[in-house]
Amino acid sequence: MEARQFSPQDFLAMVRRHWPICVYTASLGLVIGIALAFLLPKRYQSKTIVLVDQPSVSATYIPAAISDDWNQRLASMQQQIMSRTRLAEVIQKLNLYPTDSGRVPVDALVDRLTKTIDVEPLAPMAGVDQRSLPGFNVTVTFTDPGRAQQICQEVTSMFLEQNVRLHEEHAENTTEFLEQQLEQAKSKLDEQDAKLADFERRNLGALPDEEQSNLNVLMGLNTQLEAVTQNLGRLQQEKAFDESMLAQQLAAWKQSAATGVAQDPGTLQQEKQAAESKLSSLRAQYTDQYPDVIKAKEELDAINKKIAAAQQPGAADATAATTTKPSATEPQQIQQLRVQVHEATLAVDQVIKQEQTLQAQIGALQGRVKASPDVEEQYKEITRNYQTALDFYNDLLKRHDESAMATDLEHQQEGEQFRVLDPPNLPSAASFPNPLLFSVGGFGGGLALGLGLIVVFLVADSTLHSERDVEAFLHVPAIAVISLFEPLKQARGGVLGDAKRGPRVIIEA
């Protein structure tokens, strides 16, 4: 026999024939559901909502002590609070399982309590930073409503305390770490500062920012050296002239002292020529108002006066009478020349020393200017290291101050804190089992069971109910179907009978 194919009409016909099965199974399921709702142990649920309050001081002024993801922080706090040690303390404090205490291991009791506690974060609103957490729910399900409320209160309190402790410890640890780093940075900064100061002392005057001033001073010293050199040449000429005049005067004086003859006019003419030569040389370099030029003119005038006096009648006899016996004392003119030569020698020596000093200063400045590129390279390296150490120190100092303020903020309870929106409630009705849900579930389960039984009956039924069943069973096509009529006890309206049984099928032989 081939497998029969069932249509929805077959299933509906079977349901109409066997509908009492569904009634019986649905009623049985309803009874079982109601019974379970009243017989199963009741569980009560206590809930509370904990919100995360933002710091009272804006993070723009004082950064938060902890800035990581709130979901991770909540998960970490939950692991710490749900640890064996913490929950064992709660069990002992509230005496949650008095009948099992001492008989059941503590780990089993902790696992049992862990299953009753549920912590669920609140979803942030759309458009809000996902790292921020608006709050979370704490739900405790227990067999006793009072115990459920107490456990919820304890767990919520542990979250509040753990959050405060976590913020304070994190802020204090951060501040302590920054203090250590700040001390090390200060030591490095002092070391770089000492190196920079020592370099500046060793290269004083050759630093990059002094190069322009060195060039300006060098130009001024070169100008001074040129003026001193010119002055030295002039003084040397004056000294040579005075020495020549002194030599001439000494020679004339010695000759006159040896011969007893007064100075002749020829000697005065030689002095005049020498004075004129000196005056011409000075005028070539200076104006007539220059002191040396004025002095040379006065000397020339004095010599002209002597020549004029020597040319007067009787001057030679008077001179011869006064110089008949030579004097052992040098004339005043020779003494003056000696003083002039001595002063000229001192002036020349002083100018030479001044020239040497200027040359030494110029040489030192030239050495500094020449060494400026190397000094500048070394100075840049030392300055760069110093600036790096200074920036690092200032950055650490800023972070340390911010961390210290954040620590004070946490100690004053002005930072990011947990706030209980609704305290744990005392449940008045059991959350499990729910009679309505169990009743509906039992009724639906019984009804589904009845329908399943009907489907089983339909598959197992071997009776023929239609032309399709006959053809599937006999493997031959049906010619016609004759309905079966049975006479009624009381015929009505000319009707002889009514179909009470299945049809009769006429098949092809």
Protein backbone atom coordinates (compact mmCIF):
# COMPACT_ATOMS: atom_id res chain seq x y z
CA MET A 1 0.00 0.00 0.00
CA GLU A 2 1.35 3.32 -0.99
CA ALA A 3 1.75 6.05 1.57
CA ARG A 4 -1.42 8.02 1.93
CA GLN A 5 -1.41 11.77 1.39
CA PHE A 6 -3.45 13.82 3.86
CA SER A 7 -5.07 17.13 3.10
CA PRO A 8 -6.23 19.81 5.55
CA GLN A 9 -9.77 18.56 5.03
CA ASP A 10 -8.71 15.12 6.28
CA PHE A 11 -7.20 16.67 9.38
CA LEU A 12 -10.31 18.79 10.07
CA ALA A 13 -12.51 15.73 9.60
CA MET A 14 -10.39 13.82 12.07
CA VAL A 15 -10.62 16.72 14.56
CA ARG A 16 -14.42 16.70 14.23
CA ARG A 17 -14.48 12.98 14.88
CA HIS A 18 -12.06 13.06 17.83
CA TRP A 19 -12.53 16.50 19.36
CA PRO A 20 -13.09 15.15 22.87
CA ILE A 21 -9.39 14.20 22.98
CA CYS A 22 -8.42 17.88 22.70
CA VAL A 23 -10.90 18.79 25.41
CA TYR A 24 -9.52 16.16 27.76
CA THR A 25 -5.83 17.00 27.18
CA ALA A 26 -6.40 20.80 27.38
CA SER A 27 -8.32 20.40 30.63
CA LEU A 28 -5.62 18.14 32.03
CA GLY A 29 -2.92 20.64 31.05
CA LEU A 30 -4.85 23.49 32.65
CA VAL A 31 -5.18 21.55 35.89
CA ILE A 32 -1.49 20.64 35.89
CA GLY A 33 -0.48 24.27 35.21
CA ILE A 34 -2.63 25.58 38.05
CA ALA A 35 -1.31 22.89 40.36
CA LEU A 36 2.30 23.72 39.50
CA ALA A 37 1.64 27.42 40.05
CA PHE A 38 0.56 26.69 43.59
CA LEU A 39 2.93 23.84 44.41
CA LEU A 40 6.27 25.14 43.09
CA PRO A 41 8.43 27.17 45.54
CA LYS A 42 7.73 30.87 45.24
CA ARG A 43 10.46 33.33 44.37
CA TYR A 44 10.34 37.05 45.07
CA GLN A 45 12.19 39.69 43.11
CA SER A 46 13.63 42.94 44.57
CA LYS A 47 14.92 45.60 42.19
CA THR A 48 16.77 48.90 42.39
CA ILE A 49 18.11 51.40 39.85
CA VAL A 50 21.54 52.97 40.32
CA LEU A 51 22.35 56.07 38.26
CA VAL A 52 25.81 57.44 37.44
CA ASP A 53 26.06 61.10 38.43
CA GLN A 54 28.56 63.14 36.46
CA PRO A 55 31.22 65.16 38.36
CA SER A 56 30.03 68.44 39.82
CA VAL A 57 33.12 70.16 38.35
CA SER A 58 33.43 70.12 34.57
CA ALA A 59 36.05 67.81 33.09
CA THR A 60 37.32 70.83 31.14
CA TYR A 61 38.83 72.20 34.36
CA ILE A 62 39.62 68.95 36.21
CA PRO A 63 39.91 65.72 34.16
CA ALA A 64 38.15 62.68 35.55
CA ALA A 65 40.20 60.30 37.68
CA ILE A 66 39.05 57.33 35.55
CA SER A 67 38.31 57.78 31.86
CA ASP A 68 37.99 54.21 30.54
CA ASP A 69 34.85 52.49 29.23
CA TRP A 70 32.07 52.40 31.81
CA ASN A 71 30.85 48.99 30.68
CA GLN A 72 34.27 47.50 31.34
CA ARG A 73 34.45 49.22 34.71
CA LEU A 74 31.01 47.91 35.66
CA ALA A 75 31.99 44.38 34.61
CA SER A 76 35.20 44.62 36.66
CA MET A 77 33.31 45.91 39.69
CA GLN A 78 30.74 43.17 39.30
CA GLN A 79 33.46 40.50 39.27
CA GLN A 80 34.97 41.93 42.45
CA ILE A 81 31.64 42.22 44.24
CA MET A 82 30.48 38.75 43.12
CA SER A 83 33.68 37.17 44.33
CA ARG A 84 33.62 34.26 46.77
CA THR A 85 34.95 36.34 49.67
CA ARG A 86 32.44 39.16 49.33
CA LEU A 87 29.38 36.93 48.86
CA ALA A 88 30.47 34.65 51.70
CA GLU A 89 30.41 37.69 53.97
CA VAL A 90 26.89 38.53 52.77
CA ILE A 91 25.72 34.96 53.44
CA GLN A 92 27.17 35.03 56.95
CA LYS A 93 25.90 38.53 57.69
CA LEU A 94 22.30 37.88 56.59
CA ASN A 95 22.24 34.17 57.59
CA LEU A 96 20.72 33.32 54.22
CA TYR A 97 20.91 29.53 54.33
CA PRO A 98 20.58 28.53 57.99
CA THR A 99 19.55 24.94 57.27
CA ASP A 100 22.43 24.34 54.88
CA SER A 101 25.07 26.13 56.94
CA GLY A 102 27.74 23.65 57.98
CA ARG A 103 26.38 20.90 55.75
CA VAL A 104 26.84 22.43 52.31
CA PRO A 105 30.25 23.79 51.22
CA VAL A 106 30.59 27.56 51.15
CA ASP A 107 31.40 27.51 47.44
CA ALA A 108 28.08 25.83 46.69
CA LEU A 109 26.21 28.41 48.75
CA VAL A 110 28.10 31.21 46.97
CA ASP A 111 27.19 29.72 43.58
CA ARG A 112 23.57 29.48 44.69
CA LEU A 113 23.55 33.14 45.76
CA THR A 114 25.33 34.24 42.57
CA LYS A 115 22.48 32.82 40.48
CA THR A 116 19.99 34.97 42.38
CA ILE A 117 21.78 38.26 41.58
CA ASP A 118 21.53 39.94 38.19
CA VAL A 119 23.25 43.22 37.23
CA GLU A 120 22.14 44.73 33.93
CA PRO A 121 23.46 48.07 32.55
CA LEU A 122 20.98 50.61 31.26
CA ALA A 123 21.20 51.29 27.54
CA PRO A 124 22.35 54.87 26.73
CA MET A 125 20.05 57.11 24.75
CA ALA A 126 20.53 57.56 21.03
CA GLY A 127 23.17 60.15 20.18
CA VAL A 128 24.92 59.83 23.55
CA ASP A 129 28.52 58.71 23.91
CA GLN A 130 28.50 54.93 24.16
CA ARG A 131 31.39 55.04 26.63
CA SER A 132 29.18 56.78 29.18
CA LEU A 133 26.85 54.68 31.29
CA PRO A 134 23.58 56.20 32.51
CA GLY A 135 23.18 53.55 35.21
CA PHE A 136 22.37 49.91 35.87
CA ASN A 137 19.73 47.67 37.44
CA VAL A 138 20.34 45.34 40.35
CA THR A 139 17.81 42.51 40.57
CA VAL A 140 17.75 39.85 43.32
CA THR A 141 15.43 36.82 43.16
CA PHE A 142 15.02 34.90 46.44
CA THR A 143 12.56 32.62 48.19
CA ASP A 144 11.87 35.18 50.94
CA PRO A 145 10.78 38.75 50.07
CA GLY A 146 12.56 40.30 53.05
CA ARG A 147 15.76 38.44 52.30
CA ALA A 148 15.54 39.50 48.66
CA GLN A 149 15.31 43.15 49.71
CA GLN A 150 18.22 42.79 52.15
CA ILE A 151 20.44 41.10 49.57
CA CYS A 152 19.61 43.77 47.01
CA GLN A 153 20.44 46.46 49.56
CA GLU A 154 23.77 44.82 50.42
CA VAL A 155 24.80 44.38 46.79
CA THR A 156 23.85 47.98 45.98
CA SER A 157 25.84 49.25 48.97
CA MET A 158 28.86 47.23 47.84
CA PHE A 159 28.63 48.81 44.39
CA LEU A 160 28.53 52.29 45.92
CA GLU A 161 31.48 51.59 48.23
CA GLN A 162 33.47 49.87 45.49
CA ASN A 163 32.99 52.81 43.14
CA VAL A 164 34.21 55.33 45.75
CA ARG A 165 37.17 53.14 46.69
CA LEU A 166 38.05 52.53 43.05
CA HIS A 167 38.06 56.25 42.21
CA GLU A 168 40.09 57.20 45.27
CA GLU A 169 42.66 54.44 44.80
CA HIS A 170 43.02 55.20 41.11
CA ALA A 171 43.44 58.93 41.74
CA GLU A 172 45.94 58.39 44.58
CA ASN A 173 47.96 55.85 42.61
CA THR A 174 48.05 58.16 39.62
CA THR A 175 49.20 61.09 41.76
CA GLU A 176 51.88 58.98 43.44
CA PHE A 177 53.16 57.69 40.11
CA LEU A 178 53.27 61.20 38.68
CA GLU A 179 55.20 62.40 41.74
CA GLN A 180 57.88 59.78 41.14
CA GLN A 181 58.06 60.64 37.46
CA LEU A 182 58.19 64.33 38.33
CA GLU A 183 61.19 63.82 40.61
CA GLN A 184 63.04 61.92 37.91
CA ALA A 185 62.16 64.58 35.32
CA LYS A 186 63.40 67.31 37.69
CA SER A 187 66.72 65.49 38.16
CA LYS A 188 67.17 65.24 34.39
CA LEU A 189 66.18 68.88 33.98
CA ASP A 190 68.72 69.97 36.64
CA GLU A 191 71.39 67.91 34.89
CA GLN A 192 70.64 69.53 31.52
CA ASP A 193 70.52 72.96 33.19
CA ALA A 194 73.97 72.40 34.71
CA LYS A 195 75.35 71.32 31.33
CA LEU A 196 73.89 74.39 29.67
CA ALA A 197 75.27 76.75 32.33
CA ASP A 198 78.74 75.15 32.13
CA PHE A 199 78.74 75.41 28.34
CA GLU A 200 77.75 79.08 28.49
CA ARG A 201 80.54 79.80 31.00
CA ARG A 202 83.15 78.03 28.86
CA ASN A 203 82.00 79.73 25.65
CA LEU A 204 81.13 83.14 27.01
CA GLY A 205 81.21 85.63 24.17
CA ALA A 206 81.07 82.96 21.45
CA LEU A 207 77.42 81.96 21.87
CA PRO A 208 75.16 82.16 18.80
CA ASP A 209 73.18 85.11 20.11
CA GLU A 210 76.43 87.06 20.67
CA GLU A 211 77.79 86.63 17.14
CA GLN A 212 76.32 89.87 15.79
CA SER A 213 77.49 91.84 18.81
CA ASN A 214 80.98 90.33 18.37
CA LEU A 215 81.01 91.47 14.74
CA ASN A 216 79.95 94.96 15.75
CA VAL A 217 82.62 95.14 18.45
CA LEU A 218 85.20 93.78 16.00
CA MET A 219 84.38 96.54 13.52
CA GLY A 220 84.73 99.14 16.27
CA LEU A 221 88.05 97.69 17.41
CA ASN A 222 89.38 97.69 13.84
CA THR A 223 88.42 101.34 13.56
CA GLN A 224 90.17 102.11 16.84
CA LEU A 225 93.24 100.14 15.74
CA GLU A 226 93.43 102.11 12.52
CA ALA A 227 93.24 105.39 14.44
CA VAL A 228 95.84 104.19 16.95
CA THR A 229 98.14 103.11 14.13
CA GLN A 230 97.90 106.52 12.52
CA ASN A 231 98.49 108.20 15.86
CA LEU A 232 101.51 105.95 16.46
CA GLY A 233 103.00 106.93 13.12
CA ARG A 234 102.55 110.60 13.90
CA LEU A 235 104.07 110.26 17.36
CA GLN A 236 107.01 108.34 15.95
CA GLN A 237 107.58 111.15 13.42
CA GLU A 238 107.42 113.74 16.17
CA LYS A 239 109.80 111.70 18.28
CA ALA A 240 112.25 111.36 15.41
CA PHE A 241 112.05 115.10 14.72
CA ASP A 242 112.60 115.95 18.39
CA GLU A 243 115.51 113.53 18.56
CA SER A 244 117.10 115.07 15.45
CA MET A 245 116.60 118.58 16.82
CA LEU A 246 118.11 117.52 20.14
CA ALA A 247 121.09 116.00 18.36
CA GLN A 248 121.62 119.15 16.33
CA GLN A 249 121.31 121.40 19.37
CA LEU A 250 123.69 119.23 21.39
CA ALA A 251 126.22 119.21 18.56
CA ALA A 252 126.00 122.99 18.13
CA TRP A 253 126.15 123.56 21.88
CA LYS A 254 129.17 121.32 22.30
CA GLN A 255 130.91 122.96 19.37
CA SER A 256 130.24 126.43 20.71
CA ALA A 257 131.33 125.36 24.17
CA ALA A 258 134.57 123.96 22.76
CA THR A 259 135.39 126.94 20.51
CA GLY A 260 133.83 129.65 22.63
CA VAL A 261 131.91 130.98 19.61
CA ALA A 262 128.22 131.76 19.76
CA GLN A 263 125.77 129.91 17.66
CA ASP A 264 125.97 131.12 14.11
CA PRO A 265 123.01 131.95 11.99
CA GLY A 266 123.56 128.82 9.86
CA THR A 267 122.50 126.62 12.74
CA LEU A 268 119.37 128.66 13.18
CA GLN A 269 118.65 128.27 9.49
CA GLN A 270 118.90 124.51 9.82
CA GLU A 271 116.48 124.60 12.76
CA LYS A 272 114.14 126.71 10.69
CA GLN A 273 114.23 124.27 7.81
CA ALA A 274 113.54 121.36 10.15
CA ALA A 275 110.62 123.24 11.77
CA GLU A 276 109.18 124.12 8.37
CA SER A 277 109.48 120.49 7.26
CA LYS A 278 107.70 119.32 10.40
CA LEU A 279 104.91 121.88 9.95
CA SER A 280 104.42 120.86 6.33
CA SER A 281 104.19 117.20 7.33
CA LEU A 282 101.57 117.94 10.01
CA ARG A 283 99.51 120.14 7.69
CA ALA A 284 99.39 117.30 5.19
CA GLN A 285 97.51 115.22 7.77
CA TYR A 286 95.69 117.75 9.95
CA THR A 287 94.10 121.18 9.79
CA ASP A 288 95.60 124.38 11.16
CA GLN A 289 93.45 124.13 14.31
CA TYR A 290 95.03 120.78 15.31
CA PRO A 291 97.14 121.22 18.52
CA ASP A 292 100.29 119.70 17.02
CA VAL A 293 100.06 122.02 14.02
CA ILE A 294 99.67 125.07 16.33
CA LYS A 295 102.65 123.91 18.40
CA ALA A 296 104.80 123.46 15.29
CA LYS A 297 103.88 126.99 14.12
CA GLU A 298 104.88 128.41 17.51
CA GLU A 299 108.27 126.63 17.32
CA LEU A 300 108.79 128.00 13.82
CA ASP A 301 107.92 131.53 15.02
CA ALA A 302 110.40 131.22 17.91
CA ILE A 303 113.19 130.19 15.54
CA ASN A 304 112.34 133.12 13.23
CA LYS A 305 112.57 135.48 16.20
CA LYS A 306 116.03 134.08 17.06
CA ILE A 307 117.19 134.55 13.51
CA ALA A 308 115.89 138.10 13.48
CA ALA A 309 117.63 138.87 16.80
CA ALA A 310 120.89 137.37 15.57
CA GLN A 311 120.85 139.59 12.45
CA GLN A 312 120.64 142.89 14.43
CA PRO A 313 123.93 145.01 14.70
CA GLY A 314 125.88 144.43 17.94
CA ALA A 315 124.13 141.16 18.72
CA ALA A 316 127.25 139.18 17.74
CA ASP A 317 129.57 141.19 20.06
CA ALA A 318 127.16 140.84 22.97
CA THR A 319 126.87 137.17 22.37
CA ALA A 320 130.63 136.77 22.14
CA ALA A 321 131.09 138.67 25.40
CA THR A 322 128.63 136.50 27.22
CA THR A 323 129.97 133.26 25.77
CA THR A 324 133.68 133.91 26.13
CA LYS A 325 133.60 131.35 28.88
CA PRO A 326 131.47 128.33 28.06
CA SER A 327 128.85 127.27 30.60
CA ALA A 328 128.74 123.72 31.86
CA THR A 329 124.91 123.81 32.10
CA GLU A 330 122.88 122.83 29.02
CA PRO A 331 120.81 125.58 27.54
CA GLN A 332 117.11 125.72 28.32
CA GLN A 333 116.24 124.94 24.72
CA ILE A 334 118.19 121.68 24.88
CA GLN A 335 116.52 120.79 28.16
CA GLN A 336 113.13 121.42 26.63
CA LEU A 337 114.02 119.21 23.68
CA ARG A 338 115.09 116.45 26.04
CA VAL A 339 111.72 116.73 27.86
CA GLN A 340 109.91 116.63 24.52
CA VAL A 341 111.86 113.54 23.43
CA HIS A 342 111.07 111.83 26.76
CA GLU A 343 107.40 112.68 26.52
CA ALA A 344 107.31 111.51 22.90
CA THR A 345 108.96 108.23 23.93
CA LEU A 346 106.36 107.68 26.66
CA ALA A 347 103.54 108.53 24.30
CA VAL A 348 104.87 106.13 21.66
CA ASP A 349 105.23 103.33 24.23
CA GLN A 350 101.70 103.95 25.51
CA VAL A 351 100.26 103.90 22.01
CA ILE A 352 102.20 100.71 21.21
CA LYS A 353 100.71 99.04 24.29
CA GLN A 354 97.27 100.27 23.27
CA GLU A 355 97.83 98.89 19.78
CA GLN A 356 98.92 95.53 21.17
CA THR A 357 95.87 95.42 23.45
CA LEU A 358 93.56 96.17 20.53
CA GLN A 359 95.27 93.53 18.39
CA ALA A 360 94.86 90.96 21.17
CA GLN A 361 91.17 91.85 21.54
CA ILE A 362 90.69 91.69 17.78
CA GLY A 363 92.40 88.30 17.68
CA ALA A 364 90.19 86.99 20.48
CA LEU A 365 87.05 88.25 18.77
CA GLN A 366 88.15 86.80 15.45
CA GLY A 367 88.69 83.45 17.18
CA ARG A 368 85.19 83.63 18.68
CA VAL A 369 83.62 84.51 15.34
CA LYS A 370 85.55 81.72 13.64
CA ALA A 371 84.45 79.19 16.28
CA SER A 372 80.80 80.34 16.21
CA PRO A 373 79.53 77.59 13.82
CA ASP A 374 80.93 74.77 15.98
CA VAL A 375 79.79 76.45 19.17
CA GLU A 376 76.35 77.04 17.67
CA GLU A 377 76.00 73.36 16.73
CA GLN A 378 76.96 72.21 20.23
CA TYR A 379 74.78 74.90 21.79
CA LYS A 380 71.76 73.81 19.72
CA GLU A 381 72.19 70.21 20.84
CA ILE A 382 72.49 71.15 24.51
CA THR A 383 69.61 73.64 24.24
CA ARG A 384 67.43 71.07 22.46
CA ASN A 385 68.06 68.50 25.19
CA TYR A 386 67.35 71.11 27.83
CA GLN A 387 64.13 72.23 26.13
CA THR A 388 62.98 68.61 25.78
CA ALA A 389 63.63 67.98 29.46
CA LEU A 390 61.88 71.26 30.36
CA ASP A 391 58.80 70.46 28.23
CA PHE A 392 58.58 66.97 29.70
CA TYR A 393 58.88 68.36 33.22
CA ASN A 394 56.23 71.03 32.61
CA ASP A 395 53.88 68.43 31.09
CA LEU A 396 54.34 66.12 34.09
CA LEU A 397 53.88 69.04 36.46
CA LYS A 398 50.60 69.95 34.77
CA ARG A 399 49.39 66.35 34.90
CA HIS A 400 50.45 66.04 38.53
CA ASP A 401 48.49 69.16 39.48
CA GLU A 402 45.44 67.88 37.60
CA SER A 403 45.73 64.49 39.28
CA ALA A 404 46.09 66.13 42.69
CA MET A 405 42.95 68.18 42.08
CA ALA A 406 41.11 65.06 40.88
CA THR A 407 42.19 63.27 44.07
CA ASP A 408 40.87 66.12 46.22
CA LEU A 409 37.67 66.05 44.20
CA GLU A 410 37.23 62.32 44.89
CA HIS A 411 37.95 62.79 48.60
CA GLN A 412 35.26 65.47 48.74
CA GLN A 413 32.80 63.14 46.96
CA GLU A 414 32.43 65.65 44.13
CA GLY A 415 33.57 63.33 41.34
CA GLU A 416 31.68 60.74 39.33
CA GLN A 417 29.45 58.90 41.82
CA PHE A 418 26.69 56.31 41.97
CA ARG A 419 23.27 57.43 43.14
CA VAL A 420 20.43 55.09 44.04
CA LEU A 421 17.35 56.27 42.19
CA ASP A 422 14.90 53.87 43.85
CA PRO A 423 15.79 51.92 46.98
CA PRO A 424 15.32 48.13 46.82
CA ASN A 425 11.61 47.36 47.03
CA LEU A 426 9.96 44.80 49.28
CA PRO A 427 8.14 42.49 46.83
CA SER A 428 4.51 41.88 47.76
CA ALA A 429 3.83 39.20 45.14
CA ALA A 430 5.93 36.34 43.91
CA SER A 431 7.58 36.79 40.53
CA PHE A 432 7.69 33.02 40.07
CA PRO A 433 5.59 30.98 39.50
CA ASN A 434 2.97 33.14 37.77
CA PRO A 435 -0.47 31.40 38.00
CA LEU A 436 -1.80 33.05 34.87
CA LEU A 437 1.20 32.09 32.77
CA PHE A 438 1.22 28.57 34.13
CA SER A 439 -2.54 28.22 33.48
CA VAL A 440 -2.26 29.51 29.94
CA GLY A 441 0.84 27.40 29.38
CA GLY A 442 -0.83 24.25 30.75
CA PHE A 443 -3.95 24.79 28.65
CA GLY A 444 -1.91 25.45 25.51
CA GLY A 445 0.32 22.45 26.18
CA GLY A 446 -2.70 20.15 26.69
CA LEU A 447 -4.36 21.42 23.54
CA ALA A 448 -1.14 20.89 21.57
CA LEU A 449 -0.91 17.37 22.99
CA GLY A 450 -4.49 16.59 21.91
CA LEU A 451 -3.86 17.85 18.40
CA GLY A 452 -0.71 15.77 18.26
CA LEU A 453 -2.67 12.66 19.26
CA ILE A 454 -5.22 13.37 16.54
CA VAL A 455 -2.40 13.61 13.99
CA VAL A 456 -1.11 10.23 15.21
CA PHE A 457 -4.60 8.71 14.87
CA LEU A 458 -4.93 10.15 11.39
CA VAL A 459 -1.66 8.56 10.27
CA ALA A 460 -2.48 5.22 11.91
CA ASP A 461 -6.09 5.07 10.56
CA SER A 462 -6.47 2.40 7.78
CA THR A 463 -10.15 2.96 6.90
CA LEU A 464 -11.20 4.33 3.52
CA HIS A 465 -13.00 7.62 3.61
CA SER A 466 -12.74 8.95 0.07
CA GLU A 467 -12.30 8.03 -3.59
CA ARG A 468 -8.62 8.95 -3.31
CA ASP A 469 -8.18 6.44 -0.46
CA VAL A 470 -9.81 3.69 -2.58
CA GLU A 471 -7.62 4.35 -5.60
CA ALA A 472 -4.51 4.48 -3.39
CA PHE A 473 -5.48 1.16 -1.74
CA LEU A 474 -6.69 -0.87 -4.88
CA HIS A 475 -4.39 0.68 -7.50
CA VAL A 476 -7.31 0.92 -10.00
CA PRO A 477 -9.43 3.89 -10.99
CA ALA A 478 -13.00 4.18 -9.68
CA ILE A 479 -15.89 4.34 -12.18
CA ALA A 480 -18.51 5.78 -9.87
CA VAL A 481 -19.43 6.36 -6.25
CA ILE A 482 -22.87 5.28 -4.97
CA SER A 483 -24.02 6.70 -1.68
CA LEU A 484 -25.54 4.34 0.83
CA PHE A 485 -29.12 5.12 1.82
CA GLU A 486 -31.00 3.61 4.73
CA PRO A 487 -34.78 3.98 5.17
CA LEU A 488 -35.96 6.20 7.95
CA LYS A 489 -38.61 5.27 10.34
CA GLN A 490 -40.56 8.40 9.40
CA ALA A 491 -40.14 9.63 5.86
CA ARG A 492 -40.66 13.28 5.24
CA GLY A 493 -41.24 15.14 1.99
CA GLY A 494 -40.88 12.05 -0.22
CA VAL A 495 -37.39 11.39 0.89
CA LEU A 496 -36.81 7.65 1.17
CA GLY A 497 -33.66 7.56 3.07
CA ASP A 498 -30.48 9.36 4.25
CA ALA A 499 -26.82 8.55 3.77
CA LYS A 500 -25.67 7.16 7.12
CA ARG A 501 -22.63 5.31 6.10
CA GLY A 502 -19.81 5.73 3.69
CA PRO A 503 -20.31 5.59 -0.06
CA ARG A 504 -20.20 2.46 -2.08
CA VAL A 505 -17.66 2.56 -4.87
CA ILE A 506 -18.10 0.82 -8.23
CA ILE A 507 -14.74 0.01 -9.76
CA GLU A 508 -13.79 -1.08 -13.24
CA ALA A 509 -13.36 -4.89 -13.52
